[in-house]
N, C-alpha and C. Protein backbone atom coordinates (compact mmCIF):
# COMPACT_ATOMS: atom_id res chain seq x y z
N MET A 1 124.64 116.15 87.30
CA MET A 1 123.77 115.02 87.61
C MET A 1 124.61 113.75 87.69
N SER A 2 124.40 112.97 88.75
CA SER A 2 125.14 111.72 88.89
C SER A 2 124.61 110.69 87.91
N ARG A 3 125.42 109.66 87.65
CA ARG A 3 124.99 108.62 86.72
C ARG A 3 123.79 107.86 87.26
N ALA A 4 123.77 107.61 88.57
CA ALA A 4 122.63 106.91 89.17
C ALA A 4 121.34 107.70 88.96
N GLN A 5 121.40 109.02 89.12
CA GLN A 5 120.23 109.85 88.90
C GLN A 5 119.82 109.82 87.44
N ARG A 6 120.81 109.82 86.54
CA ARG A 6 120.48 109.79 85.11
C ARG A 6 119.80 108.48 84.70
N LEU A 7 120.27 107.38 85.27
CA LEU A 7 119.64 106.09 84.98
C LEU A 7 118.20 106.06 85.48
N LEU A 8 118.00 106.64 86.65
CA LEU A 8 116.64 106.71 87.19
C LEU A 8 115.75 107.55 86.27
N ASP A 9 116.26 108.69 85.82
CA ASP A 9 115.48 109.55 84.93
C ASP A 9 115.15 108.84 83.62
N LEU A 10 116.10 108.04 83.13
CA LEU A 10 115.87 107.30 81.89
C LEU A 10 114.74 106.29 82.07
N ILE A 11 114.75 105.58 83.20
CA ILE A 11 113.67 104.62 83.47
C ILE A 11 112.33 105.33 83.51
N GLN A 12 112.29 106.48 84.18
CA GLN A 12 111.03 107.22 84.29
C GLN A 12 110.56 107.71 82.93
N LEU A 13 111.49 108.13 82.09
CA LEU A 13 111.13 108.56 80.74
C LEU A 13 110.52 107.41 79.95
N LEU A 14 111.15 106.25 80.02
CA LEU A 14 110.65 105.09 79.28
C LEU A 14 109.28 104.66 79.78
N ARG A 15 109.05 104.81 81.06
CA ARG A 15 107.77 104.41 81.63
C ARG A 15 106.62 105.31 81.17
N ARG A 16 106.94 106.50 80.74
CA ARG A 16 105.89 107.41 80.28
C ARG A 16 105.38 107.06 78.88
N HIS A 17 106.10 106.23 78.17
CA HIS A 17 105.75 105.91 76.78
C HIS A 17 105.30 104.47 76.66
N ARG A 18 104.16 104.28 76.03
CA ARG A 18 103.66 102.93 75.79
C ARG A 18 104.10 102.38 74.44
N ARG A 19 104.66 103.24 73.62
CA ARG A 19 105.18 102.84 72.31
C ARG A 19 106.68 103.16 72.26
N PRO A 20 107.39 102.52 71.34
CA PRO A 20 108.82 102.80 71.23
C PRO A 20 109.09 104.29 71.03
N VAL A 21 110.10 104.80 71.74
CA VAL A 21 110.47 106.20 71.62
C VAL A 21 111.89 106.28 71.09
N ALA A 22 112.13 107.21 70.20
CA ALA A 22 113.42 107.32 69.53
C ALA A 22 114.53 107.65 70.52
N GLY A 23 115.69 107.07 70.31
CA GLY A 23 116.83 107.33 71.16
C GLY A 23 117.21 108.79 71.18
N ALA A 24 117.07 109.46 70.03
CA ALA A 24 117.43 110.87 69.96
C ALA A 24 116.57 111.71 70.89
N LEU A 25 115.28 111.37 70.99
CA LEU A 25 114.39 112.11 71.88
C LEU A 25 114.75 111.86 73.35
N LEU A 26 115.08 110.62 73.66
CA LEU A 26 115.49 110.30 75.03
C LEU A 26 116.77 111.03 75.40
N ALA A 27 117.71 111.02 74.48
CA ALA A 27 118.99 111.69 74.74
C ALA A 27 118.79 113.19 74.93
N GLU A 28 117.89 113.77 74.13
CA GLU A 28 117.62 115.20 74.25
C GLU A 28 116.99 115.53 75.60
N ASP A 29 116.03 114.70 76.02
CA ASP A 29 115.38 114.94 77.31
C ASP A 29 116.36 114.83 78.47
N LEU A 30 117.33 113.93 78.35
CA LEU A 30 118.30 113.72 79.42
C LEU A 30 119.48 114.68 79.33
N GLY A 31 119.64 115.31 78.18
CA GLY A 31 120.77 116.21 78.00
C GLY A 31 122.08 115.49 77.83
N VAL A 32 122.05 114.32 77.17
CA VAL A 32 123.27 113.53 76.96
C VAL A 32 123.39 113.21 75.48
N SER A 33 124.55 112.67 75.10
CA SER A 33 124.75 112.27 73.72
C SER A 33 124.08 110.92 73.46
N LEU A 34 123.89 110.60 72.19
CA LEU A 34 123.31 109.30 71.84
C LEU A 34 124.20 108.16 72.33
N ARG A 35 125.50 108.34 72.22
CA ARG A 35 126.42 107.29 72.68
C ARG A 35 126.23 107.02 74.16
N THR A 36 126.11 108.09 74.95
CA THR A 36 125.89 107.92 76.40
C THR A 36 124.56 107.24 76.65
N LEU A 37 123.53 107.63 75.90
CA LEU A 37 122.21 107.01 76.07
C LEU A 37 122.29 105.51 75.81
N TYR A 38 122.96 105.11 74.73
CA TYR A 38 123.04 103.69 74.42
C TYR A 38 123.78 102.93 75.51
N ARG A 39 124.82 103.54 76.07
CA ARG A 39 125.54 102.89 77.18
C ARG A 39 124.63 102.73 78.39
N ASP A 40 123.83 103.78 78.67
CA ASP A 40 122.93 103.71 79.82
C ASP A 40 121.87 102.63 79.62
N ILE A 41 121.38 102.50 78.41
CA ILE A 41 120.38 101.46 78.13
C ILE A 41 120.98 100.07 78.34
N GLU A 42 122.21 99.88 77.91
CA GLU A 42 122.86 98.57 78.11
C GLU A 42 123.08 98.31 79.60
N THR A 43 123.40 99.36 80.36
CA THR A 43 123.57 99.21 81.81
C THR A 43 122.27 98.77 82.46
N LEU A 44 121.16 99.39 82.06
CA LEU A 44 119.87 99.02 82.62
C LEU A 44 119.48 97.60 82.23
N LYS A 45 119.79 97.21 81.03
CA LYS A 45 119.50 95.84 80.60
C LYS A 45 120.26 94.84 81.46
N ALA A 46 121.52 95.16 81.74
CA ALA A 46 122.33 94.27 82.55
C ALA A 46 121.79 94.14 83.98
N GLN A 47 121.05 95.15 84.42
CA GLN A 47 120.47 95.13 85.76
C GLN A 47 119.08 94.50 85.79
N GLY A 48 118.62 94.04 84.62
CA GLY A 48 117.35 93.33 84.58
C GLY A 48 116.20 94.07 83.95
N ALA A 49 116.43 95.27 83.44
CA ALA A 49 115.36 96.02 82.80
C ALA A 49 115.03 95.40 81.44
N HIS A 50 113.75 95.18 81.18
CA HIS A 50 113.31 94.58 79.91
C HIS A 50 113.10 95.70 78.89
N ILE A 51 114.18 96.21 78.34
CA ILE A 51 114.11 97.28 77.35
C ILE A 51 114.24 96.65 75.97
N GLU A 52 113.23 96.88 75.15
CA GLU A 52 113.24 96.35 73.79
C GLU A 52 113.46 97.48 72.80
N GLY A 53 114.04 97.12 71.65
CA GLY A 53 114.27 98.11 70.61
C GLY A 53 115.74 98.20 70.24
N GLU A 54 116.02 99.09 69.34
CA GLU A 54 117.39 99.28 68.89
C GLU A 54 117.53 100.65 68.26
N ALA A 55 118.77 101.02 68.00
CA ALA A 55 119.04 102.32 67.40
C ALA A 55 118.33 102.43 66.06
N GLY A 56 117.71 103.58 65.81
CA GLY A 56 116.99 103.81 64.57
C GLY A 56 115.55 103.35 64.60
N VAL A 57 115.19 102.54 65.59
CA VAL A 57 113.82 102.03 65.70
C VAL A 57 113.11 102.66 66.89
N GLY A 58 113.83 102.71 68.01
CA GLY A 58 113.24 103.24 69.24
C GLY A 58 113.32 102.23 70.36
N PHE A 59 113.01 102.67 71.57
CA PHE A 59 113.13 101.81 72.74
C PHE A 59 111.85 101.87 73.57
N MET A 60 111.55 100.75 74.21
CA MET A 60 110.36 100.65 75.04
C MET A 60 110.66 99.75 76.23
N LEU A 61 110.17 100.15 77.40
CA LEU A 61 110.36 99.37 78.63
C LEU A 61 109.15 98.50 78.87
N ARG A 62 109.37 97.20 78.94
CA ARG A 62 108.29 96.28 79.26
C ARG A 62 107.98 96.33 80.75
N SER A 63 106.75 96.02 81.12
CA SER A 63 106.35 96.07 82.52
C SER A 63 107.02 94.97 83.31
N GLY A 64 107.06 95.16 84.62
CA GLY A 64 107.61 94.14 85.51
C GLY A 64 108.99 94.43 86.04
N PHE A 65 109.58 95.55 85.63
CA PHE A 65 110.93 95.87 86.10
C PHE A 65 110.87 96.60 87.42
N LEU A 66 111.54 96.06 88.42
CA LEU A 66 111.64 96.70 89.73
C LEU A 66 112.96 97.43 89.82
N LEU A 67 112.92 98.66 90.25
CA LEU A 67 114.14 99.45 90.34
C LEU A 67 115.10 98.85 91.36
N PRO A 68 116.34 98.61 90.97
CA PRO A 68 117.32 98.17 91.97
C PRO A 68 117.62 99.31 92.93
N PRO A 69 118.15 99.01 94.12
CA PRO A 69 118.38 100.05 95.11
C PRO A 69 119.23 101.21 94.62
N LEU A 70 120.17 100.94 93.72
CA LEU A 70 121.06 102.01 93.29
C LEU A 70 120.30 103.09 92.51
N MET A 71 119.04 102.79 92.16
CA MET A 71 118.28 103.74 91.36
C MET A 71 117.60 104.80 92.21
N PHE A 72 117.76 104.75 93.52
CA PHE A 72 117.19 105.81 94.35
C PHE A 72 117.95 107.11 94.11
N SER A 73 117.20 108.20 93.99
CA SER A 73 117.84 109.51 93.90
C SER A 73 118.22 109.96 95.31
N GLU A 74 119.01 111.03 95.40
CA GLU A 74 119.41 111.54 96.71
C GLU A 74 118.19 112.01 97.51
N GLU A 75 117.25 112.65 96.84
CA GLU A 75 116.06 113.12 97.55
C GLU A 75 115.19 111.95 97.98
N GLU A 76 115.12 110.89 97.17
CA GLU A 76 114.35 109.72 97.56
C GLU A 76 114.97 109.04 98.78
N ILE A 77 116.29 109.02 98.84
CA ILE A 77 116.95 108.46 100.01
C ILE A 77 116.66 109.31 101.24
N GLU A 78 116.67 110.63 101.08
CA GLU A 78 116.34 111.50 102.21
C GLU A 78 114.91 111.25 102.68
N ALA A 79 114.00 111.02 101.72
CA ALA A 79 112.62 110.73 102.09
C ALA A 79 112.53 109.42 102.86
N LEU A 80 113.28 108.41 102.41
CA LEU A 80 113.30 107.13 103.11
C LEU A 80 113.82 107.29 104.54
N VAL A 81 114.92 108.02 104.67
CA VAL A 81 115.52 108.21 105.99
C VAL A 81 114.56 108.94 106.92
N LEU A 82 113.99 110.05 106.44
CA LEU A 82 113.10 110.85 107.28
C LEU A 82 111.85 110.06 107.66
N GLY A 83 111.26 109.39 106.67
CA GLY A 83 110.06 108.62 106.95
C GLY A 83 110.33 107.48 107.91
N SER A 84 111.43 106.78 107.70
CA SER A 84 111.75 105.65 108.57
C SER A 84 112.04 106.12 110.00
N ARG A 85 112.72 107.24 110.13
CA ARG A 85 112.99 107.77 111.47
C ARG A 85 111.71 108.20 112.16
N TRP A 86 110.78 108.77 111.41
CA TRP A 86 109.51 109.16 112.01
C TRP A 86 108.76 107.92 112.51
N VAL A 87 108.68 106.90 111.66
CA VAL A 87 107.96 105.68 112.03
C VAL A 87 108.61 105.01 113.23
N SER A 88 109.95 104.96 113.23
CA SER A 88 110.64 104.28 114.33
C SER A 88 110.39 104.97 115.67
N GLN A 89 110.11 106.29 115.65
CA GLN A 89 109.89 107.02 116.90
C GLN A 89 108.42 107.25 117.23
N ARG A 90 107.54 107.18 116.23
CA ARG A 90 106.14 107.55 116.48
C ARG A 90 105.18 106.37 116.39
N ALA A 91 105.57 105.28 115.77
CA ALA A 91 104.66 104.15 115.61
C ALA A 91 104.85 103.15 116.74
N ASP A 92 104.11 102.06 116.67
CA ASP A 92 104.27 101.03 117.70
C ASP A 92 105.59 100.31 117.53
N GLY A 93 105.96 99.51 118.51
CA GLY A 93 107.28 98.91 118.55
C GLY A 93 107.61 98.04 117.35
N SER A 94 106.69 97.18 116.93
CA SER A 94 106.98 96.28 115.82
C SER A 94 107.10 97.03 114.50
N LEU A 95 106.26 98.06 114.31
CA LEU A 95 106.35 98.86 113.07
C LEU A 95 107.62 99.71 113.09
N GLY A 96 107.99 100.23 114.25
CA GLY A 96 109.23 100.99 114.36
C GLY A 96 110.44 100.14 114.05
N LEU A 97 110.44 98.89 114.54
CA LEU A 97 111.54 97.98 114.23
C LEU A 97 111.59 97.66 112.75
N ALA A 98 110.41 97.50 112.13
CA ALA A 98 110.37 97.23 110.70
C ALA A 98 110.96 98.39 109.90
N ALA A 99 110.69 99.62 110.35
CA ALA A 99 111.24 100.80 109.67
C ALA A 99 112.76 100.81 109.76
N ALA A 100 113.30 100.49 110.93
CA ALA A 100 114.76 100.43 111.09
C ALA A 100 115.35 99.34 110.21
N ASN A 101 114.65 98.21 110.08
CA ASN A 101 115.13 97.11 109.25
C ASN A 101 115.15 97.50 107.77
N VAL A 102 114.13 98.27 107.36
CA VAL A 102 114.09 98.73 105.96
C VAL A 102 115.33 99.56 105.64
N LEU A 103 115.65 100.50 106.51
CA LEU A 103 116.83 101.34 106.28
C LEU A 103 118.10 100.50 106.24
N ALA A 104 118.20 99.51 107.11
CA ALA A 104 119.39 98.67 107.15
C ALA A 104 119.52 97.86 105.87
N LYS A 105 118.40 97.34 105.37
CA LYS A 105 118.44 96.53 104.15
C LYS A 105 118.79 97.39 102.94
N VAL A 106 118.20 98.57 102.87
CA VAL A 106 118.52 99.46 101.75
C VAL A 106 119.99 99.89 101.82
N GLY A 107 120.45 100.26 103.01
CA GLY A 107 121.84 100.69 103.15
C GLY A 107 122.84 99.59 102.82
N ALA A 108 122.45 98.33 103.03
CA ALA A 108 123.38 97.22 102.80
C ALA A 108 123.68 97.01 101.32
N VAL A 109 122.77 97.45 100.44
CA VAL A 109 122.97 97.18 99.02
C VAL A 109 123.21 98.45 98.19
N LEU A 110 123.18 99.60 98.84
CA LEU A 110 123.45 100.83 98.10
C LEU A 110 124.94 100.97 97.79
N PRO A 111 125.26 101.58 96.66
CA PRO A 111 126.67 101.90 96.41
C PRO A 111 127.18 102.89 97.44
N PRO A 112 128.49 102.94 97.68
CA PRO A 112 129.05 103.74 98.77
C PRO A 112 128.63 105.20 98.78
N ASP A 113 128.55 105.83 97.59
CA ASP A 113 128.23 107.26 97.58
C ASP A 113 126.80 107.54 98.04
N LEU A 114 125.87 106.62 97.72
CA LEU A 114 124.50 106.81 98.17
C LEU A 114 124.30 106.31 99.60
N LYS A 115 125.04 105.28 99.98
CA LYS A 115 124.94 104.78 101.35
C LYS A 115 125.34 105.86 102.34
N ALA A 116 126.30 106.68 101.96
CA ALA A 116 126.73 107.77 102.84
C ALA A 116 125.59 108.73 103.14
N GLY A 117 124.63 108.83 102.20
CA GLY A 117 123.49 109.72 102.41
C GLY A 117 122.60 109.26 103.55
N ILE A 118 122.56 107.94 103.79
CA ILE A 118 121.79 107.42 104.91
C ILE A 118 122.53 107.67 106.21
N GLU A 119 123.81 107.37 106.20
CA GLU A 119 124.60 107.44 107.43
C GLU A 119 124.84 108.86 107.91
N SER A 120 124.84 109.82 106.97
CA SER A 120 125.15 111.19 107.37
C SER A 120 123.99 112.15 107.13
N SER A 121 122.79 111.62 107.03
CA SER A 121 121.63 112.48 106.76
C SER A 121 121.47 113.52 107.85
N GLY A 122 121.21 114.75 107.42
CA GLY A 122 120.99 115.84 108.37
C GLY A 122 119.53 116.05 108.70
N LEU A 123 118.66 115.11 108.31
CA LEU A 123 117.24 115.23 108.58
C LEU A 123 116.89 114.43 109.83
N LEU A 124 116.41 115.10 110.85
CA LEU A 124 116.11 114.45 112.11
C LEU A 124 114.64 114.68 112.49
N ILE A 125 114.12 113.80 113.33
CA ILE A 125 112.77 113.93 113.86
C ILE A 125 112.87 114.51 115.26
N GLY A 126 112.18 115.61 115.50
CA GLY A 126 112.22 116.24 116.80
C GLY A 126 111.47 115.43 117.84
N PRO A 127 111.72 115.72 119.11
CA PRO A 127 111.04 114.97 120.18
C PRO A 127 109.54 115.21 120.14
N GLY A 128 108.79 114.16 120.47
CA GLY A 128 107.33 114.26 120.48
C GLY A 128 106.77 113.57 121.69
N GLU A 129 105.46 113.68 121.86
CA GLU A 129 104.81 113.07 122.99
C GLU A 129 104.71 111.56 122.81
N ALA A 130 104.68 110.85 123.90
CA ALA A 130 104.56 109.41 123.84
C ALA A 130 103.19 109.02 123.30
N ILE A 131 103.14 107.87 122.61
CA ILE A 131 101.88 107.37 122.08
C ILE A 131 100.97 106.97 123.23
N ALA A 132 99.73 107.45 123.19
CA ALA A 132 98.82 107.17 124.29
C ALA A 132 98.42 105.70 124.33
N ALA A 133 98.18 105.11 123.15
CA ALA A 133 97.82 103.70 123.11
C ALA A 133 99.07 102.86 123.04
N GLY A 134 99.06 101.70 123.69
CA GLY A 134 100.23 100.84 123.71
C GLY A 134 100.52 100.22 122.37
N GLY A 135 101.76 99.77 122.21
CA GLY A 135 102.18 99.18 120.96
C GLY A 135 101.38 97.94 120.60
N ALA A 136 100.99 97.17 121.60
CA ALA A 136 100.23 95.94 121.32
C ALA A 136 98.89 96.27 120.66
N GLU A 137 98.20 97.33 121.12
CA GLU A 137 96.93 97.70 120.55
C GLU A 137 97.09 98.13 119.08
N LEU A 138 98.07 98.97 118.83
CA LEU A 138 98.28 99.44 117.45
C LEU A 138 98.65 98.29 116.52
N ALA A 139 99.48 97.38 117.00
CA ALA A 139 99.86 96.23 116.18
C ALA A 139 98.65 95.36 115.87
N ALA A 140 97.77 95.17 116.87
CA ALA A 140 96.57 94.37 116.65
C ALA A 140 95.62 95.05 115.66
N ILE A 141 95.52 96.37 115.76
CA ILE A 141 94.67 97.12 114.82
C ILE A 141 95.20 96.98 113.41
N ARG A 142 96.50 97.11 113.25
CA ARG A 142 97.08 96.95 111.92
C ARG A 142 96.85 95.54 111.37
N GLN A 143 96.92 94.55 112.25
CA GLN A 143 96.67 93.17 111.84
C GLN A 143 95.23 93.02 111.34
N ALA A 144 94.28 93.62 112.06
CA ALA A 144 92.88 93.54 111.65
C ALA A 144 92.65 94.23 110.31
N ILE A 145 93.31 95.36 110.10
CA ILE A 145 93.15 96.09 108.83
C ILE A 145 93.71 95.26 107.67
N ARG A 146 94.89 94.69 107.86
CA ARG A 146 95.49 93.88 106.79
C ARG A 146 94.62 92.67 106.44
N GLY A 147 94.09 92.03 107.47
CA GLY A 147 93.31 90.82 107.24
C GLY A 147 91.83 91.07 107.00
N GLU A 148 91.39 92.34 107.00
CA GLU A 148 89.99 92.70 106.82
C GLU A 148 89.12 91.93 107.82
N ARG A 149 89.53 91.99 109.11
CA ARG A 149 88.85 91.26 110.17
C ARG A 149 87.99 92.19 111.02
N ARG A 150 86.88 91.67 111.47
CA ARG A 150 86.07 92.40 112.43
C ARG A 150 86.84 92.53 113.75
N MET A 151 86.64 93.64 114.43
CA MET A 151 87.19 93.84 115.77
C MET A 151 86.05 94.08 116.75
N ARG A 152 86.17 93.46 117.90
CA ARG A 152 85.26 93.77 119.00
C ARG A 152 86.00 94.68 119.97
N ILE A 153 85.41 95.81 120.27
CA ILE A 153 86.08 96.77 121.13
C ILE A 153 85.14 97.28 122.22
N ALA A 154 85.74 97.72 123.29
CA ALA A 154 85.04 98.53 124.28
C ALA A 154 85.62 99.93 124.16
N TYR A 155 84.76 100.93 123.96
CA TYR A 155 85.24 102.28 123.64
C TYR A 155 84.64 103.31 124.59
N GLY A 156 85.49 104.13 125.16
CA GLY A 156 85.05 105.17 126.07
C GLY A 156 85.03 106.53 125.38
N ASP A 157 83.93 107.26 125.51
CA ASP A 157 83.86 108.59 124.91
C ASP A 157 84.45 109.64 125.84
N GLU A 158 84.32 110.91 125.49
CA GLU A 158 84.92 111.99 126.28
C GLU A 158 84.36 112.04 127.70
N ALA A 159 83.11 111.63 127.85
CA ALA A 159 82.48 111.68 129.17
C ALA A 159 82.75 110.42 129.98
N GLY A 160 83.48 109.49 129.40
CA GLY A 160 83.79 108.27 130.12
C GLY A 160 82.79 107.15 129.95
N ARG A 161 81.74 107.38 129.14
CA ARG A 161 80.76 106.34 128.89
C ARG A 161 81.35 105.29 127.95
N VAL A 162 81.20 104.03 128.30
CA VAL A 162 81.80 102.94 127.53
C VAL A 162 80.71 102.18 126.77
N THR A 163 80.95 101.97 125.49
CA THR A 163 80.05 101.14 124.68
C THR A 163 80.86 100.00 124.08
N ARG A 164 80.19 98.90 123.84
CA ARG A 164 80.83 97.74 123.20
C ARG A 164 80.34 97.67 121.76
N ARG A 165 81.29 97.52 120.88
CA ARG A 165 80.97 97.59 119.46
C ARG A 165 81.73 96.53 118.67
N THR A 166 81.18 96.23 117.52
CA THR A 166 81.90 95.44 116.52
C THR A 166 82.12 96.34 115.32
N VAL A 167 83.37 96.47 114.91
CA VAL A 167 83.71 97.43 113.86
C VAL A 167 84.52 96.75 112.77
N TRP A 168 84.52 97.39 111.59
CA TRP A 168 85.31 96.92 110.45
C TRP A 168 86.41 97.94 110.20
N PRO A 169 87.58 97.79 110.75
CA PRO A 169 88.63 98.81 110.61
C PRO A 169 89.28 98.77 109.23
N PHE A 170 89.51 99.95 108.68
CA PHE A 170 90.17 100.00 107.37
C PHE A 170 91.24 101.09 107.28
N VAL A 171 91.34 101.95 108.28
CA VAL A 171 92.37 103.00 108.29
C VAL A 171 92.87 103.18 109.72
N LEU A 172 94.18 103.33 109.86
CA LEU A 172 94.79 103.75 111.12
C LEU A 172 95.57 105.02 110.83
N ALA A 173 95.09 106.14 111.34
CA ALA A 173 95.72 107.44 111.05
C ALA A 173 96.62 107.85 112.20
N PHE A 174 97.84 108.29 111.85
CA PHE A 174 98.82 108.71 112.85
C PHE A 174 98.88 110.23 112.88
N TYR A 175 98.33 110.81 113.93
CA TYR A 175 98.44 112.24 114.17
C TYR A 175 99.58 112.47 115.17
N ASP A 176 99.91 113.74 115.41
CA ASP A 176 101.02 114.03 116.30
C ASP A 176 100.79 113.49 117.71
N ARG A 177 99.57 113.64 118.21
CA ARG A 177 99.31 113.27 119.60
C ARG A 177 98.42 112.05 119.76
N VAL A 178 97.63 111.72 118.75
CA VAL A 178 96.72 110.59 118.88
C VAL A 178 96.78 109.71 117.64
N ARG A 179 96.28 108.49 117.78
CA ARG A 179 96.12 107.57 116.68
C ARG A 179 94.63 107.29 116.54
N VAL A 180 94.11 107.37 115.33
CA VAL A 180 92.67 107.28 115.12
C VAL A 180 92.36 106.14 114.15
N VAL A 181 91.39 105.31 114.52
CA VAL A 181 90.94 104.21 113.67
C VAL A 181 89.67 104.64 112.96
N ALA A 182 89.66 104.54 111.64
CA ALA A 182 88.43 104.73 110.87
C ALA A 182 87.84 103.36 110.59
N ALA A 183 86.55 103.22 110.86
CA ALA A 183 85.92 101.90 110.73
C ALA A 183 84.44 102.06 110.47
N TRP A 184 83.84 100.99 109.91
CA TRP A 184 82.38 100.90 109.84
C TRP A 184 81.92 100.29 111.15
N CYS A 185 80.98 100.97 111.80
CA CYS A 185 80.49 100.53 113.11
C CYS A 185 79.14 99.83 112.94
N GLU A 186 79.08 98.56 113.35
CA GLU A 186 77.84 97.82 113.22
C GLU A 186 76.77 98.38 114.16
N LEU A 187 77.16 98.89 115.31
CA LEU A 187 76.20 99.45 116.25
C LEU A 187 75.53 100.70 115.69
N ARG A 188 76.34 101.59 115.10
CA ARG A 188 75.81 102.87 114.59
C ARG A 188 75.41 102.79 113.12
N GLN A 189 75.75 101.68 112.47
CA GLN A 189 75.46 101.50 111.04
C GLN A 189 75.98 102.68 110.21
N GLY A 190 77.24 102.99 110.45
CA GLY A 190 77.87 104.06 109.70
C GLY A 190 79.35 104.13 110.01
N TYR A 191 80.04 105.03 109.32
CA TYR A 191 81.47 105.20 109.53
C TYR A 191 81.69 106.00 110.81
N ARG A 192 82.61 105.54 111.63
CA ARG A 192 82.94 106.21 112.86
C ARG A 192 84.47 106.24 113.03
N HIS A 193 84.92 107.15 113.91
CA HIS A 193 86.34 107.30 114.16
C HIS A 193 86.59 107.10 115.65
N PHE A 194 87.60 106.29 115.96
CA PHE A 194 87.88 105.91 117.34
C PHE A 194 89.32 106.23 117.69
N ARG A 195 89.49 107.02 118.74
CA ARG A 195 90.85 107.26 119.24
C ARG A 195 91.38 105.97 119.84
N ALA A 196 92.57 105.59 119.41
CA ALA A 196 93.12 104.31 119.86
C ALA A 196 93.32 104.27 121.37
N ASP A 197 93.64 105.42 121.97
CA ASP A 197 93.88 105.43 123.41
C ASP A 197 92.60 105.32 124.24
N ARG A 198 91.44 105.42 123.59
CA ARG A 198 90.17 105.25 124.29
C ARG A 198 89.58 103.86 124.10
N ILE A 199 90.27 103.02 123.36
CA ILE A 199 89.83 101.63 123.22
C ILE A 199 90.37 100.87 124.43
N THR A 200 89.47 100.46 125.30
CA THR A 200 89.89 99.81 126.55
C THR A 200 89.98 98.30 126.43
N VAL A 201 89.22 97.74 125.51
CA VAL A 201 89.27 96.29 125.24
C VAL A 201 89.27 96.11 123.74
N LEU A 202 90.11 95.22 123.25
CA LEU A 202 90.21 95.02 121.80
C LEU A 202 90.41 93.54 121.52
N GLU A 203 89.58 93.02 120.61
CA GLU A 203 89.72 91.63 120.18
C GLU A 203 89.60 91.56 118.67
N VAL A 204 90.63 91.05 118.01
CA VAL A 204 90.57 90.82 116.58
C VAL A 204 89.94 89.45 116.36
N THR A 205 88.81 89.39 115.67
CA THR A 205 88.12 88.13 115.48
C THR A 205 88.64 87.42 114.23
N ALA A 206 88.21 86.20 114.06
CA ALA A 206 88.57 85.43 112.85
C ALA A 206 87.62 85.71 111.71
N GLN A 207 86.59 86.53 111.95
CA GLN A 207 85.57 86.80 110.94
C GLN A 207 86.01 87.95 110.03
N ARG A 208 85.97 87.69 108.74
CA ARG A 208 86.22 88.77 107.79
C ARG A 208 84.97 89.64 107.70
N TYR A 209 85.17 90.93 107.54
CA TYR A 209 83.98 91.74 107.34
C TYR A 209 83.49 91.59 105.90
N PRO A 210 82.20 91.83 105.66
CA PRO A 210 81.59 91.43 104.39
C PRO A 210 81.96 92.26 103.17
N ARG A 211 82.60 93.40 103.35
CA ARG A 211 83.00 94.22 102.22
C ARG A 211 84.51 94.31 102.16
N ARG A 212 85.04 94.59 100.97
CA ARG A 212 86.48 94.72 100.84
C ARG A 212 86.95 96.05 101.40
N ARG A 213 88.15 96.02 101.97
CA ARG A 213 88.70 97.23 102.59
C ARG A 213 88.81 98.37 101.58
N ALA A 214 89.21 98.04 100.34
CA ALA A 214 89.37 99.09 99.32
C ALA A 214 88.04 99.78 99.04
N ALA A 215 86.93 99.02 99.06
CA ALA A 215 85.61 99.61 98.81
C ALA A 215 85.21 100.53 99.96
N LEU A 216 85.47 100.08 101.19
CA LEU A 216 85.17 100.93 102.35
C LEU A 216 85.98 102.22 102.31
N LEU A 217 87.25 102.09 101.99
CA LEU A 217 88.13 103.26 101.95
C LEU A 217 87.66 104.25 100.89
N LYS A 218 87.29 103.74 99.72
CA LYS A 218 86.85 104.62 98.64
C LYS A 218 85.56 105.35 99.03
N GLU A 219 84.61 104.62 99.62
CA GLU A 219 83.35 105.23 100.02
C GLU A 219 83.57 106.26 101.13
N TRP A 220 84.41 105.93 102.10
CA TRP A 220 84.72 106.84 103.20
C TRP A 220 85.37 108.12 102.70
N ARG A 221 86.30 107.97 101.76
CA ARG A 221 86.95 109.15 101.19
C ARG A 221 85.94 110.04 100.47
N ALA A 222 85.04 109.42 99.73
CA ALA A 222 84.05 110.20 98.99
C ALA A 222 83.13 110.96 99.95
N LEU A 223 82.75 110.34 101.05
CA LEU A 223 81.89 111.00 102.02
C LEU A 223 82.58 112.17 102.70
N ARG A 224 83.88 112.03 102.90
CA ARG A 224 84.64 113.07 103.60
C ARG A 224 85.40 113.99 102.65
N ASP A 225 85.22 113.75 101.33
CA ASP A 225 85.89 114.56 100.31
C ASP A 225 87.40 114.55 100.50
N ILE A 226 87.94 113.33 100.71
CA ILE A 226 89.39 113.16 100.87
C ILE A 226 89.97 112.63 99.58
N PRO A 227 90.91 113.34 98.94
CA PRO A 227 91.47 112.85 97.68
C PRO A 227 92.31 111.60 97.89
N GLU A 228 92.36 110.75 96.86
CA GLU A 228 93.19 109.55 96.95
C GLU A 228 94.66 109.94 96.92
N GLN A 229 95.47 109.17 97.64
CA GLN A 229 96.89 109.49 97.75
C GLN A 229 97.70 108.48 96.95
């Protein structure tokens, strides 16, 4: 196990305990000596971790500590690389650019041994079909979801019939071939799903919808028996 991985495991162990935990127990869980454990704790403190306690008393991690980049495990870096590559190729242009920027920022501050994991990752995204809806539409939908704004749309069904609706969007789902918006539809007075490529006109209004997005999402999940992620 690398030292970076061990430090990450130590942080995770401390986070599981709300009361001080003995150094001997931490050392046993990590498979290291007490001396090594104390050195690791001092290293984490130097990086900004609010660890309280001392030898013979126990240690506890106070809330508010954000993991520095070096605390990513090798598998977490692989997940970042794979996810970012998927987003850069499957999402709209602005979100794809943001994914590339995330990887660049993380790579800029990683230690050399972990940075190499980004540059030489063997995880690739295979070719896929082009997104049916344009990048501008997806970006506007994401803007409406973030701001909890009503959207006015013109929507065509499978038969080509177009209806005009005002909806409260709260989810944008990315499938392999289509992008789907989950929203409360004022016309139908219920939850509806709209393929993004069938939205022919889209306007994000300045009006907030009357319920919070989190409440809509929770109710929608309960109706569809979708577990929280």
